[in-house]
Protein backbone atom coordinates (compact mmCIF):
# COMPACT_ATOMS: atom_id res chain seq x y z
CA UNK A 1 -24.51 50.53 176.25
CA UNK A 2 -28.49 50.48 176.05
CA UNK A 3 -29.55 47.00 175.66
CA UNK A 4 -32.53 46.50 173.02
CA UNK A 5 -35.15 44.23 173.92
CA UNK A 6 -36.04 41.02 171.69
CA UNK A 7 -39.25 41.68 169.88
CA UNK A 8 -40.76 38.82 167.94
CA UNK A 9 -40.53 39.04 164.42
CA UNK A 10 -43.38 39.08 162.28
CA UNK A 11 -43.42 37.28 159.10
CA UNK A 12 -45.72 37.43 155.61
CA UNK A 13 -48.71 34.59 156.00
CA UNK A 14 -48.05 32.73 153.03
CA UNK A 15 -50.83 30.74 153.23
CA UNK A 16 -53.74 31.88 154.94
CA UNK A 17 -55.64 28.75 154.82
CA UNK A 18 -55.74 24.88 156.66
CA UNK A 19 -57.70 22.45 155.04
CA UNK A 20 -57.97 18.87 157.05
CA UNK A 21 -58.88 16.01 155.50
CA UNK A 22 -59.61 12.73 157.60
CA UNK A 23 -60.00 9.33 156.25
CA UNK A 24 -62.06 6.86 158.62
CA UNK A 25 -64.33 3.45 158.05
CA UNK A 26 -65.09 1.37 160.90
CA UNK A 27 -64.31 -1.45 158.81
CA UNK A 28 -60.73 -3.18 159.00
CA UNK A 29 -58.59 -4.05 155.95
CA UNK A 30 -60.81 -2.21 153.24
CA UNK A 31 -57.84 0.22 152.10
CA UNK A 32 -58.28 2.98 154.26
CA UNK A 33 -54.35 3.37 154.49
CA UNK A 34 -53.78 2.89 150.91
CA UNK A 35 -56.52 5.35 149.45
CA UNK A 36 -54.93 7.81 152.25
CA UNK A 37 -51.45 7.56 150.78
CA UNK A 38 -52.81 7.74 147.34
CA UNK A 39 -55.03 11.14 148.06
CA UNK A 40 -52.07 12.60 150.04
CA UNK A 41 -49.70 12.25 146.92
CA UNK A 42 -52.32 13.52 144.64
CA UNK A 43 -52.87 16.58 146.79
CA UNK A 44 -49.00 16.92 146.95
CA UNK A 45 -48.73 17.76 143.65
CA UNK A 46 -49.59 21.31 144.37
CA UNK A 47 -49.90 22.02 147.74
CA UNK A 48 -47.59 20.97 151.23
CA UNK A 49 -49.59 17.38 152.76
CA UNK A 50 -48.59 16.27 156.21
CA UNK A 51 -49.95 12.44 156.39
CA UNK A 52 -50.64 10.76 159.67
CA UNK A 53 -51.26 7.92 160.24
CA UNK A 54 -53.01 6.88 164.30
CA UNK A 55 -53.11 3.14 163.67
CA UNK A 56 -51.48 0.97 166.14
CA UNK A 57 -50.04 -0.68 163.46
CA UNK A 58 -50.04 1.06 160.04
CA UNK A 59 -47.51 -1.20 157.91
CA UNK A 60 -45.87 2.28 157.00
CA UNK A 61 -42.34 1.14 158.00
CA UNK A 62 -42.84 -1.86 155.93
CA UNK A 63 -44.36 0.15 152.81
CA UNK A 64 -41.19 2.20 153.38
CA UNK A 65 -38.96 0.18 154.57
CA UNK A 66 -37.41 1.60 157.00
CA UNK A 67 -38.01 0.96 160.58
CA UNK A 68 -38.79 2.96 163.70
CA UNK A 69 -37.84 2.93 167.38
CA UNK A 70 -40.73 5.16 168.59
CA UNK A 71 -44.35 6.54 167.47
CA UNK A 72 -47.05 8.79 168.93
């Protein structure tokens, strides 16, 4: 028989724009994480949100009450 070539499927793009927001301050212990989490929760009411914290110790495990074996 004739082999069918695997062609990539095309999907309609549901979202045409992506926004990137960053929260930064050189000052430590100034509630950046709390603000960023609150901002993410507010934005998540109307859109998809990915919260990414690049601090070595973010306190996120204690906040959600779950430990993780690995990090970025």
